[in-house]
Amino acid sequence: MKILITGCTGFIGQQLAKSLLQENHEVTGLTRNKQRAKKKVDLSMDWIETLANATERHYDAIINLAGAPIDRGYWTEKRKQTLLTSRLTTTHAIIEYIKQTPVKPKFLISGSAIGFYGPQPHTTLTENSPTVESFTHQLCQQWEAQALKATNYGIRVCLLRTGVVLGQQGGMLKRLNLPFKLGMGGKLGTGQQWLSWIHIADLIELIKFLLVHPQLSGPINATAPYPVHQANFARQFAQALHRSTWLNLPESVVKLLFGQLGTELLISGQKVVPQQITQAGFEFQYPELSSALKNLVGGS
């Protein structure tokens, strides 16, 4: 397949591109700076800086992962606008490319997040669950709505609602590694909020599964089948590093330190299950947190 990836210099994008190249797909990355991208991503792949003049290029699939990280920085109004613009601008460019190109891709896999459902601490959430109003819901809803415009041109669209991605090269584990090694890990608030996660290897295989299963479209929960409570995650991660957990942050402190980000992403929690992909026959290599952490950091 000829595949275009946006967000290819990010944690997920790099791993996805590497895996696709190993399977002899032709991969192109969309980036604002080709030279910088080539230095950051040591892969033999093509790069383009714009889709505006690329209508003569043909891609079988587009995988849209572009967007500023949502879990970093205080959510000021300026930061919120950056998070929204970084997603909508690239997705809009993709829709314009699809509109203009004479040979259209067969499908679009567009990033989203489980934040689409909003904070719902006590409900098991599938792709058909109702939503709760919040910033994360507004962000994901607008992002998904932009991507769904591709269906007007006969394109199959999958909306990848991703949970917390666990991997060695980036994401939450990389940021938590040093604090937990220093013995500074622990519960946030009560620790009973749900953490819906997925191993990076399973996420990559899930995306590739979508490419070859045309019956799948619409929202896809990209999470492992067994979410855990945050306190359980902290305990298992600390054990894998042979450390203890003692630095527990009360909910009031989390909200003071992180503001709205802390309320929506760290304290509320979401119990999300991957109903669509499981029913389609996808098998997770790391369905439980214990096996995922054993693979990624060792330990029990």
C-alpha atoms as a PDB file:
ATOM      1  CA  MET A   1       0.000   0.000   0.000  1.00  0.00           C
ATOM      2  CA  LYS A   2       0.957   3.625  -0.464  1.00  0.00           C
ATOM      3  CA  ILE A   3       0.281   5.272   2.892  1.00  0.00           C
ATOM      4  CA  LEU A   4       0.488   8.899   3.983  1.00  0.00           C
ATOM      5  CA  ILE A   5       1.014   9.554   7.711  1.00  0.00           C
ATOM      6  CA  THR A   6       0.640  12.893   9.461  1.00  0.00           C
ATOM      7  CA  GLY A   7       2.246  13.269  12.883  1.00  0.00           C
ATOM      8  CA  CYS A   8       4.960  10.890  11.715  1.00  0.00           C
ATOM      9  CA  THR A   9       7.647  12.461  13.920  1.00  0.00           C
ATOM     10  CA  GLY A  10       5.639  11.743  17.082  1.00  0.00           C
ATOM     11  CA  PHE A  11       5.824   8.805  19.458  1.00  0.00           C
ATOM     12  CA  ILE A  12       3.094   6.768  17.745  1.00  0.00           C
ATOM     13  CA  GLY A  13       3.821   7.945  14.208  1.00  0.00           C
ATOM     14  CA  GLN A  14       7.449   6.856  14.291  1.00  0.00           C
ATOM     15  CA  GLN A  15       6.613   3.372  15.527  1.00  0.00           C
ATOM     16  CA  LEU A  16       3.820   3.008  12.974  1.00  0.00           C
ATOM     17  CA  ALA A  17       5.984   4.129  10.053  1.00  0.00           C
ATOM     18  CA  LYS A  18       8.747   1.719  11.054  1.00  0.00           C
ATOM     19  CA  SER A  19       6.331  -1.203  11.252  1.00  0.00           C
ATOM     20  CA  LEU A  20       4.707  -0.400   7.896  1.00  0.00           C
ATOM     21  CA  LEU A  21       8.078  -0.039   6.170  1.00  0.00           C
ATOM     22  CA  GLN A  22       9.153  -3.422   7.530  1.00  0.00           C
ATOM     23  CA  GLU A  23       6.120  -4.888   5.761  1.00  0.00           C
ATOM     24  CA  ASN A  24       7.194  -3.226   2.491  1.00  0.00           C
ATOM     25  CA  HIS A  25       4.504  -0.562   2.356  1.00  0.00           C
ATOM     26  CA  GLU A  26       5.392   2.756   0.715  1.00  0.00           C
ATOM     27  CA  VAL A  27       5.222   5.360   3.485  1.00  0.00           C
ATOM     28  CA  THR A  28       5.171   9.145   3.105  1.00  0.00           C
ATOM     29  CA  GLY A  29       5.266  11.534   6.035  1.00  0.00           C
ATOM     30  CA  LEU A  30       3.632  14.970   6.015  1.00  0.00           C
ATOM     31  CA  THR A  31       5.783  17.442   7.933  1.00  0.00           C
ATOM     32  CA  ARG A  32       6.347  21.187   8.146  1.00  0.00           C
ATOM     33  CA  ASN A  33      10.122  20.745   7.879  1.00  0.00           C
ATOM     34  CA  LYS A  34      11.545  17.843   5.857  1.00  0.00           C
ATOM     35  CA  GLN A  35      15.136  18.299   6.987  1.00  0.00           C
ATOM     36  CA  ARG A  36      14.239  18.347  10.662  1.00  0.00           C
ATOM     37  CA  ALA A  37      11.949  15.342  10.204  1.00  0.00           C
ATOM     38  CA  LYS A  38      14.681  13.340   8.464  1.00  0.00           C
ATOM     39  CA  LYS A  39      17.051  14.019  11.373  1.00  0.00           C
ATOM     40  CA  LYS A  40      14.468  13.010  13.968  1.00  0.00           C
ATOM     41  CA  VAL A  41      13.087   9.951  12.169  1.00  0.00           C
ATOM     42  CA  ASP A  42      15.849   7.631  10.971  1.00  0.00           C
ATOM     43  CA  LEU A  43      13.739   5.754   8.418  1.00  0.00           C
ATOM     44  CA  SER A  44      14.005   5.343   4.655  1.00  0.00           C
ATOM     45  CA  MET A  45      10.755   7.021   3.678  1.00  0.00           C
ATOM     46  CA  ASP A  46       9.474   9.897   1.607  1.00  0.00           C
ATOM     47  CA  TRP A  47       8.532  13.295   3.082  1.00  0.00           C
ATOM     48  CA  ILE A  48       6.342  16.136   1.846  1.00  0.00           C
ATOM     49  CA  GLU A  49       5.764  19.536   3.441  1.00  0.00           C
ATOM     50  CA  THR A  50       2.304  20.308   2.054  1.00  0.00           C
ATOM     51  CA  LEU A  51      -0.700  18.649   0.475  1.00  0.00           C
ATOM     52  CA  ALA A  52      -1.708  21.798  -1.358  1.00  0.00           C
ATOM     53  CA  ASN A  53       0.270  20.882  -4.497  1.00  0.00           C
ATOM     54  CA  ALA A  54       0.243  17.111  -4.081  1.00  0.00           C
ATOM     55  CA  THR A  55      -2.959  16.214  -5.927  1.00  0.00           C
ATOM     56  CA  GLU A  56      -0.953  14.236  -8.473  1.00  0.00           C
ATOM     57  CA  ARG A  57       0.234  11.945  -5.687  1.00  0.00           C
ATOM     58  CA  HIS A  58      -1.837   8.832  -5.036  1.00  0.00           C
ATOM     59  CA  TYR A  59      -2.230   7.210  -1.625  1.00  0.00           C
ATOM     60  CA  ASP A  60      -4.227   4.105  -0.792  1.00  0.00           C
ATOM     61  CA  ALA A  61      -4.669   5.210   2.817  1.00  0.00           C
ATOM     62  CA  ILE A  62      -4.115   8.282   4.979  1.00  0.00           C
ATOM     63  CA  ILE A  63      -3.393   7.956   8.690  1.00  0.00           C
ATOM     64  CA  ASN A  64      -3.869  11.271  10.477  1.00  0.00           C
ATOM     65  CA  LEU A  65      -2.076  11.472  13.830  1.00  0.00           C
ATOM     66  CA  ALA A  66      -1.152  15.168  13.885  1.00  0.00           C
ATOM     67  CA  GLY A  67      -1.919  17.312  16.911  1.00  0.00           C
ATOM     68  CA  ALA A  68      -0.210  19.096  19.793  1.00  0.00           C
ATOM     69  CA  PRO A  69       0.090  16.924  22.958  1.00  0.00           C
ATOM     70  CA  ILE A  70      -2.974  17.381  25.126  1.00  0.00           C
ATOM     71  CA  ASP A  71      -1.388  16.218  28.395  1.00  0.00           C
ATOM     72  CA  ARG A  72       1.309  18.875  28.610  1.00  0.00           C
ATOM     73  CA  GLY A  73       1.077  22.435  29.822  1.00  0.00           C
ATOM     74  CA  TYR A  74      -1.661  24.312  31.659  1.00  0.00           C
ATOM     75  CA  TRP A  75      -4.913  24.568  29.694  1.00  0.00           C
ATOM     76  CA  THR A  76      -5.030  28.314  29.251  1.00  0.00           C
ATOM     77  CA  GLU A  77      -7.416  29.632  26.601  1.00  0.00           C
ATOM     78  CA  LYS A  78      -4.409  30.114  24.314  1.00  0.00           C
ATOM     79  CA  ARG A  79      -3.276  26.521  24.874  1.00  0.00           C
ATOM     80  CA  LYS A  80      -6.775  25.202  24.194  1.00  0.00           C
ATOM     81  CA  GLN A  81      -6.834  27.067  20.898  1.00  0.00           C
ATOM     82  CA  THR A  82      -3.441  25.601  19.984  1.00  0.00           C
ATOM     83  CA  LEU A  83      -4.693  22.084  20.724  1.00  0.00           C
ATOM     84  CA  LEU A  84      -7.752  22.631  18.541  1.00  0.00           C
ATOM     85  CA  THR A  85      -6.001  24.422  15.672  1.00  0.00           C
ATOM     86  CA  SER A  86      -3.191  21.869  15.453  1.00  0.00           C
ATOM     87  CA  ARG A  87      -5.780  19.145  14.842  1.00  0.00           C
ATOM     88  CA  LEU A  88      -8.279  20.938  12.635  1.00  0.00           C
ATOM     89  CA  THR A  89      -5.736  22.589  10.328  1.00  0.00           C
ATOM     90  CA  THR A  90      -4.087  19.340   9.272  1.00  0.00           C
ATOM     91  CA  THR A  91      -7.382  17.459   9.024  1.00  0.00           C
ATOM     92  CA  HIS A  92      -8.862  20.244   6.885  1.00  0.00           C
ATOM     93  CA  ALA A  93      -5.826  20.051   4.577  1.00  0.00           C
ATOM     94  CA  ILE A  94      -6.428  16.303   4.186  1.00  0.00           C
ATOM     95  CA  ILE A  95     -10.085  16.862   3.277  1.00  0.00           C
ATOM     96  CA  GLU A  96      -9.088  19.489   0.705  1.00  0.00           C
ATOM     97  CA  TYR A  97      -6.539  17.087  -0.773  1.00  0.00           C
ATOM     98  CA  ILE A  98      -9.183  14.338  -1.005  1.00  0.00           C
ATOM     99  CA  LYS A  99     -11.566  16.793  -2.650  1.00  0.00           C
ATOM    100  CA  GLN A 100      -9.027  17.841  -5.286  1.00  0.00           C
ATOM    101  CA  THR A 101      -7.143  14.654  -6.106  1.00  0.00           C
ATOM    102  CA  PRO A 102      -8.577  12.665  -9.032  1.00  0.00           C
ATOM    103  CA  VAL A 103      -7.486   9.295  -7.576  1.00  0.00           C
ATOM    104  CA  LYS A 104      -8.855   9.229  -4.055  1.00  0.00           C
ATOM    105  CA  PRO A 105      -7.598   7.098  -1.151  1.00  0.00           C
ATOM    106  CA  LYS A 106      -9.715   4.160  -0.089  1.00  0.00           C
ATOM    107  CA  PHE A 107      -9.754   5.084   3.577  1.00  0.00           C
ATOM    108  CA  LEU A 108      -8.784   7.573   6.244  1.00  0.00           C
ATOM    109  CA  ILE A 109      -7.807   6.634   9.773  1.00  0.00           C
ATOM    110  CA  SER A 110      -8.027   9.817  11.799  1.00  0.00           C
ATOM    111  CA  GLY A 111      -6.807  10.272  15.342  1.00  0.00           C
ATOM    112  CA  SER A 112      -9.104  11.102  18.211  1.00  0.00           C
ATOM    113  CA  ALA A 113      -9.085  10.155  21.895  1.00  0.00           C
ATOM    114  CA  ILE A 114     -11.259   8.621  24.585  1.00  0.00           C
ATOM    115  CA  GLY A 115     -11.638  12.189  25.833  1.00  0.00           C
ATOM    116  CA  PHE A 116     -14.492  12.279  23.311  1.00  0.00           C
ATOM    117  CA  TYR A 117     -16.742  10.720  25.981  1.00  0.00           C
ATOM    118  CA  GLY A 118     -15.943  13.383  28.571  1.00  0.00           C
ATOM    119  CA  PRO A 119     -15.339  12.620  32.270  1.00  0.00           C
ATOM    120  CA  GLN A 120     -17.483   9.617  33.258  1.00  0.00           C
ATOM    121  CA  PRO A 121     -15.930   7.907  36.288  1.00  0.00           C
ATOM    122  CA  HIS A 122     -18.617   5.294  36.946  1.00  0.00           C
ATOM    123  CA  THR A 123     -19.669   4.086  33.481  1.00  0.00           C
ATOM    124  CA  THR A 124     -18.223   1.429  31.175  1.00  0.00           C
ATOM    125  CA  LEU A 125     -17.861   3.192  27.834  1.00  0.00           C
ATOM    126  CA  THR A 126     -18.165   1.623  24.378  1.00  0.00           C
ATOM    127  CA  GLU A 127     -18.179   3.339  21.007  1.00  0.00           C
ATOM    128  CA  ASN A 128     -21.956   3.828  21.343  1.00  0.00           C
ATOM    129  CA  SER A 129     -21.941   5.405  24.804  1.00  0.00           C
ATOM    130  CA  PRO A 130     -23.361   8.907  25.366  1.00  0.00           C
ATOM    131  CA  THR A 131     -20.988  11.785  26.035  1.00  0.00           C
ATOM    132  CA  VAL A 132     -20.549  14.367  28.789  1.00  0.00           C
ATOM    133  CA  GLU A 133     -19.816  17.987  27.963  1.00  0.00           C
ATOM    134  CA  SER A 134     -16.175  18.960  28.594  1.00  0.00           C
ATOM    135  CA  PHE A 135     -13.217  20.514  26.822  1.00  0.00           C
ATOM    136  CA  THR A 136     -11.865  17.122  25.775  1.00  0.00           C
ATOM    137  CA  HIS A 137     -15.256  16.200  24.292  1.00  0.00           C
ATOM    138  CA  GLN A 138     -15.469  19.471  22.365  1.00  0.00           C
ATOM    139  CA  LEU A 139     -11.918  19.029  21.059  1.00  0.00           C
ATOM    140  CA  CYS A 140     -12.426  15.446  19.890  1.00  0.00           C
ATOM    141  CA  GLN A 141     -15.925  16.088  18.545  1.00  0.00           C
ATOM    142  CA  GLN A 142     -14.727  18.913  16.284  1.00  0.00           C
ATOM    143  CA  TRP A 143     -11.691  16.880  15.198  1.00  0.00           C
ATOM    144  CA  GLU A 144     -13.856  13.886  14.302  1.00  0.00           C
ATOM    145  CA  ALA A 145     -16.447  16.024  12.525  1.00  0.00           C
ATOM    146  CA  GLN A 146     -13.737  17.439  10.275  1.00  0.00           C
ATOM    147  CA  ALA A 147     -12.432  13.953   9.441  1.00  0.00           C
ATOM    148  CA  LEU A 148     -15.916  12.600   8.693  1.00  0.00           C
ATOM    149  CA  LYS A 149     -16.224  15.056   5.794  1.00  0.00           C
ATOM    150  CA  ALA A 150     -14.146  12.519   3.846  1.00  0.00           C
ATOM    151  CA  THR A 151     -17.210  10.267   3.710  1.00  0.00           C
ATOM    152  CA  ASN A 152     -18.727  12.790   1.259  1.00  0.00           C
ATOM    153  CA  TYR A 153     -16.187  11.519  -1.275  1.00  0.00           C
ATOM    154  CA  GLY A 154     -16.826   7.823  -0.695  1.00  0.00           C
ATOM    155  CA  ILE A 155     -13.913   7.392   1.717  1.00  0.00           C
ATOM    156  CA  ARG A 156     -14.109   4.886   4.578  1.00  0.00           C
ATOM    157  CA  VAL A 157     -13.267   6.737   7.789  1.00  0.00           C
ATOM    158  CA  CYS A 158     -12.143   5.213  11.092  1.00  0.00           C
ATOM    159  CA  LEU A 159     -11.967   7.487  14.137  1.00  0.00           C
ATOM    160  CA  LEU A 160      -9.220   6.209  16.418  1.00  0.00           C
ATOM    161  CA  ARG A 161     -10.246   7.012  19.998  1.00  0.00           C
ATOM    162  CA  THR A 162      -6.974   6.261  21.724  1.00  0.00           C
ATOM    163  CA  GLY A 163      -6.400   5.825  25.440  1.00  0.00           C
ATOM    164  CA  VAL A 164      -3.113   6.248  27.321  1.00  0.00           C
ATOM    165  CA  VAL A 165      -0.406   4.697  25.143  1.00  0.00           C
ATOM    166  CA  LEU A 166       2.328   2.790  27.007  1.00  0.00           C
ATOM    167  CA  GLY A 167       5.755   2.479  25.397  1.00  0.00           C
ATOM    168  CA  GLN A 168       9.442   2.894  26.110  1.00  0.00           C
ATOM    169  CA  GLN A 169      10.176   5.600  23.548  1.00  0.00           C
ATOM    170  CA  GLY A 170       7.572   8.131  24.649  1.00  0.00           C
ATOM    171  CA  GLY A 171       4.184   8.749  26.191  1.00  0.00           C
ATOM    172  CA  MET A 172       3.237   8.489  29.845  1.00  0.00           C
ATOM    173  CA  LEU A 173       5.742   5.798  30.867  1.00  0.00           C
ATOM    174  CA  LYS A 174       8.705   7.837  29.673  1.00  0.00           C
ATOM    175  CA  ARG A 175       7.533  10.877  31.656  1.00  0.00           C
ATOM    176  CA  LEU A 176       6.803   8.821  34.798  1.00  0.00           C
ATOM    177  CA  ASN A 177       9.965   6.734  34.676  1.00  0.00           C
ATOM    178  CA  LEU A 178      12.251   9.101  36.598  1.00  0.00           C
ATOM    179  CA  PRO A 179       9.756  10.168  39.312  1.00  0.00           C
ATOM    180  CA  PHE A 180       8.849   6.536  40.013  1.00  0.00           C
ATOM    181  CA  LYS A 181      12.514   5.468  40.044  1.00  0.00           C
ATOM    182  CA  LEU A 182      13.083   8.162  42.650  1.00  0.00           C
ATOM    183  CA  GLY A 183      10.245   6.686  44.703  1.00  0.00           C
ATOM    184  CA  MET A 184       7.984   9.655  44.033  1.00  0.00           C
ATOM    185  CA  GLY A 185       5.093   7.766  42.420  1.00  0.00           C
ATOM    186  CA  GLY A 186       1.709   7.136  43.947  1.00  0.00           C
ATOM    187  CA  LYS A 187      -2.031   7.726  43.880  1.00  0.00           C
ATOM    188  CA  LEU A 188      -3.687  10.790  42.425  1.00  0.00           C
ATOM    189  CA  GLY A 189      -6.705  11.717  44.498  1.00  0.00           C
ATOM    190  CA  THR A 190      -8.465   8.547  45.647  1.00  0.00           C
ATOM    191  CA  GLY A 191      -6.643   6.477  43.012  1.00  0.00           C
ATOM    192  CA  GLN A 192      -9.966   4.803  42.163  1.00  0.00           C
ATOM    193  CA  GLN A 193     -10.390   6.631  38.858  1.00  0.00           C
ATOM    194  CA  TRP A 194     -10.137   4.337  35.826  1.00  0.00           C
ATOM    195  CA  LEU A 195      -7.109   4.419  33.539  1.00  0.00           C
ATOM    196  CA  SER A 196      -7.784   3.142  30.023  1.00  0.00           C
ATOM    197  CA  TRP A 197      -4.480   2.253  28.409  1.00  0.00           C
ATOM    198  CA  ILE A 198      -2.954   0.366  25.470  1.00  0.00           C
ATOM    199  CA  HIS A 199       0.514  -1.056  24.737  1.00  0.00           C
ATOM    200  CA  ILE A 200       2.165   0.708  21.788  1.00  0.00           C
ATOM    201  CA  ALA A 201       2.665  -2.631  19.994  1.00  0.00           C
ATOM    202  CA  ASP A 202      -1.056  -3.393  20.210  1.00  0.00           C
ATOM    203  CA  LEU A 203      -1.945   0.092  18.973  1.00  0.00           C
ATOM    204  CA  ILE A 204       0.287  -0.331  15.911  1.00  0.00           C
ATOM    205  CA  GLU A 205      -1.230  -3.744  15.146  1.00  0.00           C
ATOM    206  CA  LEU A 206      -4.733  -2.353  15.691  1.00  0.00           C
ATOM    207  CA  ILE A 207      -4.134   0.407  13.131  1.00  0.00           C
ATOM    208  CA  LYS A 208      -2.821  -2.133  10.620  1.00  0.00           C
ATOM    209  CA  PHE A 209      -5.858  -4.330  11.357  1.00  0.00           C
ATOM    210  CA  LEU A 210      -8.138  -1.442  10.372  1.00  0.00           C
ATOM    211  CA  LEU A 211      -6.307  -1.067   7.062  1.00  0.00           C
ATOM    212  CA  VAL A 212      -7.235  -4.573   5.942  1.00  0.00           C
ATOM    213  CA  HIS A 213     -10.740  -4.916   7.426  1.00  0.00           C
ATOM    214  CA  PRO A 214     -13.034  -2.772   5.264  1.00  0.00           C
ATOM    215  CA  GLN A 215     -16.107  -3.644   7.328  1.00  0.00           C
ATOM    216  CA  LEU A 216     -14.819  -1.413  10.132  1.00  0.00           C
ATOM    217  CA  SER A 217     -15.600   2.306  10.097  1.00  0.00           C
ATOM    218  CA  GLY A 218     -16.633   5.082  12.441  1.00  0.00           C
ATOM    219  CA  PRO A 219     -15.410   5.299  16.048  1.00  0.00           C
ATOM    220  CA  ILE A 220     -12.905   2.684  17.239  1.00  0.00           C
ATOM    221  CA  ASN A 221     -11.840   2.559  20.901  1.00  0.00           C
ATOM    222  CA  ALA A 222      -8.082   1.972  20.854  1.00  0.00           C
ATOM    223  CA  THR A 223      -7.679   0.728  24.414  1.00  0.00           C
ATOM    224  CA  ALA A 224      -6.751  -2.574  26.029  1.00  0.00           C
ATOM    225  CA  PRO A 225      -9.739  -4.692  27.129  1.00  0.00           C
ATOM    226  CA  TYR A 226      -8.895  -4.431  30.843  1.00  0.00           C
ATOM    227  CA  PRO A 227      -8.658  -0.872  32.226  1.00  0.00           C
ATOM    228  CA  VAL A 228      -7.251  -0.472  35.745  1.00  0.00           C
ATOM    229  CA  HIS A 229      -7.663   1.949  38.602  1.00  0.00           C
ATOM    230  CA  GLN A 230      -4.955   4.614  38.746  1.00  0.00           C
ATOM    231  CA  ALA A 231      -3.732   3.379  42.135  1.00  0.00           C
ATOM    232  CA  ASN A 232      -3.392  -0.125  40.674  1.00  0.00           C
ATOM    233  CA  PHE A 233      -1.363   1.240  37.783  1.00  0.00           C
ATOM    234  CA  ALA A 234       0.920   3.174  40.143  1.00  0.00           C
ATOM    235  CA  ARG A 235       1.465   0.092  42.303  1.00  0.00           C
ATOM    236  CA  GLN A 236       2.246  -2.212  39.367  1.00  0.00           C
ATOM    237  CA  PHE A 237       4.542   0.296  37.679  1.00  0.00           C
ATOM    238  CA  ALA A 238       6.448   0.883  40.920  1.00  0.00           C
ATOM    239  CA  GLN A 239       6.792  -2.866  41.473  1.00  0.00           C
ATOM    240  CA  ALA A 240       8.146  -3.312  37.944  1.00  0.00           C
ATOM    241  CA  LEU A 241      10.813  -0.723  38.808  1.00  0.00           C
ATOM    242  CA  HIS A 242      11.420  -2.319  42.248  1.00  0.00           C
ATOM    243  CA  ARG A 243      10.229   0.813  44.007  1.00  0.00           C
ATOM    244  CA  SER A 244       7.490   1.686  46.468  1.00  0.00           C
ATOM    245  CA  THR A 245       4.688   4.218  46.122  1.00  0.00           C
ATOM    246  CA  TRP A 246       4.468   6.832  48.817  1.00  0.00           C
ATOM    247  CA  LEU A 247       3.934  10.248  47.232  1.00  0.00           C
ATOM    248  CA  ASN A 248       0.138  10.415  47.069  1.00  0.00           C
ATOM    249  CA  LEU A 249      -1.341  13.688  45.795  1.00  0.00           C
ATOM    250  CA  PRO A 250      -4.747  14.748  47.154  1.00  0.00           C
ATOM    251  CA  GLU A 251      -7.325  15.756  44.562  1.00  0.00           C
ATOM    252  CA  SER A 252      -7.101  19.404  45.634  1.00  0.00           C
ATOM    253  CA  VAL A 253      -3.348  19.433  44.981  1.00  0.00           C
ATOM    254  CA  VAL A 254      -3.754  17.808  41.547  1.00  0.00           C
ATOM    255  CA  LYS A 255      -6.302  20.448  40.590  1.00  0.00           C
ATOM    256  CA  LEU A 256      -4.060  23.219  41.907  1.00  0.00           C
ATOM    257  CA  LEU A 257      -1.032  21.947  39.977  1.00  0.00           C
ATOM    258  CA  PHE A 258      -2.743  21.059  36.702  1.00  0.00           C
ATOM    259  CA  GLY A 259      -6.017  22.978  36.631  1.00  0.00           C
ATOM    260  CA  GLN A 260      -8.655  21.763  34.180  1.00  0.00           C
ATOM    261  CA  LEU A 261      -6.194  19.261  32.701  1.00  0.00           C
ATOM    262  CA  GLY A 262      -5.905  17.627  36.117  1.00  0.00           C
ATOM    263  CA  THR A 263      -9.664  17.514  36.580  1.00  0.00           C
ATOM    264  CA  GLU A 264     -10.485  15.994  33.183  1.00  0.00           C
ATOM    265  CA  LEU A 265      -7.460  13.769  32.521  1.00  0.00           C
ATOM    266  CA  LEU A 266      -6.037  12.804  35.919  1.00  0.00           C
ATOM    267  CA  ILE A 267      -8.858  12.782  38.468  1.00  0.00           C
ATOM    268  CA  SER A 268     -12.100  11.879  36.698  1.00  0.00           C
ATOM    269  CA  GLY A 269     -11.007   8.772  34.804  1.00  0.00           C
ATOM    270  CA  GLN A 270     -12.781   6.753  32.122  1.00  0.00           C
ATOM    271  CA  LYS A 271     -13.432   3.008  31.867  1.00  0.00           C
ATOM    272  CA  VAL A 272     -13.288   2.487  28.104  1.00  0.00           C
ATOM    273  CA  VAL A 273     -13.496  -0.914  26.410  1.00  0.00           C
ATOM    274  CA  PRO A 274     -12.649  -1.752  22.748  1.00  0.00           C
ATOM    275  CA  GLN A 275     -15.969  -3.272  21.725  1.00  0.00           C
ATOM    276  CA  GLN A 276     -15.772  -2.709  17.953  1.00  0.00           C
ATOM    277  CA  ILE A 277     -12.278  -4.070  17.384  1.00  0.00           C
ATOM    278  CA  THR A 278     -12.818  -7.045  19.717  1.00  0.00           C
ATOM    279  CA  GLN A 279     -16.014  -8.060  17.960  1.00  0.00           C
ATOM    280  CA  ALA A 280     -14.134  -7.871  14.636  1.00  0.00           C
ATOM    281  CA  GLY A 281     -11.666 -10.503  15.875  1.00  0.00           C
ATOM    282  CA  PHE A 282      -8.645  -8.406  16.841  1.00  0.00           C
ATOM    283  CA  GLU A 283      -6.493 -10.140  19.464  1.00  0.00           C
ATOM    284  CA  PHE A 284      -4.437  -8.099  21.902  1.00  0.00           C
ATOM    285  CA  GLN A 285      -0.897  -9.259  22.595  1.00  0.00           C
ATOM    286  CA  TYR A 286      -0.950  -7.358  25.893  1.00  0.00           C
ATOM    287  CA  PRO A 287      -4.551  -7.335  27.161  1.00  0.00           C
ATOM    288  CA  GLU A 288      -3.574  -6.938  30.836  1.00  0.00           C
ATOM    289  CA  LEU A 289      -1.395  -4.300  32.452  1.00  0.00           C
ATOM    290  CA  SER A 290       0.871  -6.833  34.147  1.00  0.00           C
ATOM    291  CA  SER A 291       1.974  -8.355  30.841  1.00  0.00           C
ATOM    292  CA  ALA A 292       2.384  -4.932  29.241  1.00  0.00           C
ATOM    293  CA  LEU A 293       4.615  -3.629  32.041  1.00  0.00           C
ATOM    294  CA  LYS A 294       6.618  -6.853  32.120  1.00  0.00           C
ATOM    295  CA  ASN A 295       7.351  -6.374  28.434  1.00  0.00           C
ATOM    296  CA  LEU A 296       8.148  -2.680  28.715  1.00  0.00           C
ATOM    297  CA  VAL A 297      10.035  -2.365  31.983  1.00  0.00           C
ATOM    298  CA  GLY A 298      10.454  -5.888  33.395  1.00  0.00           C
ATOM    299  CA  GLY A 299       9.602  -6.864  36.939  1.00  0.00           C
ATOM    300  CA  SER A 300       6.691  -8.891  38.241  1.00  0.00           C
END
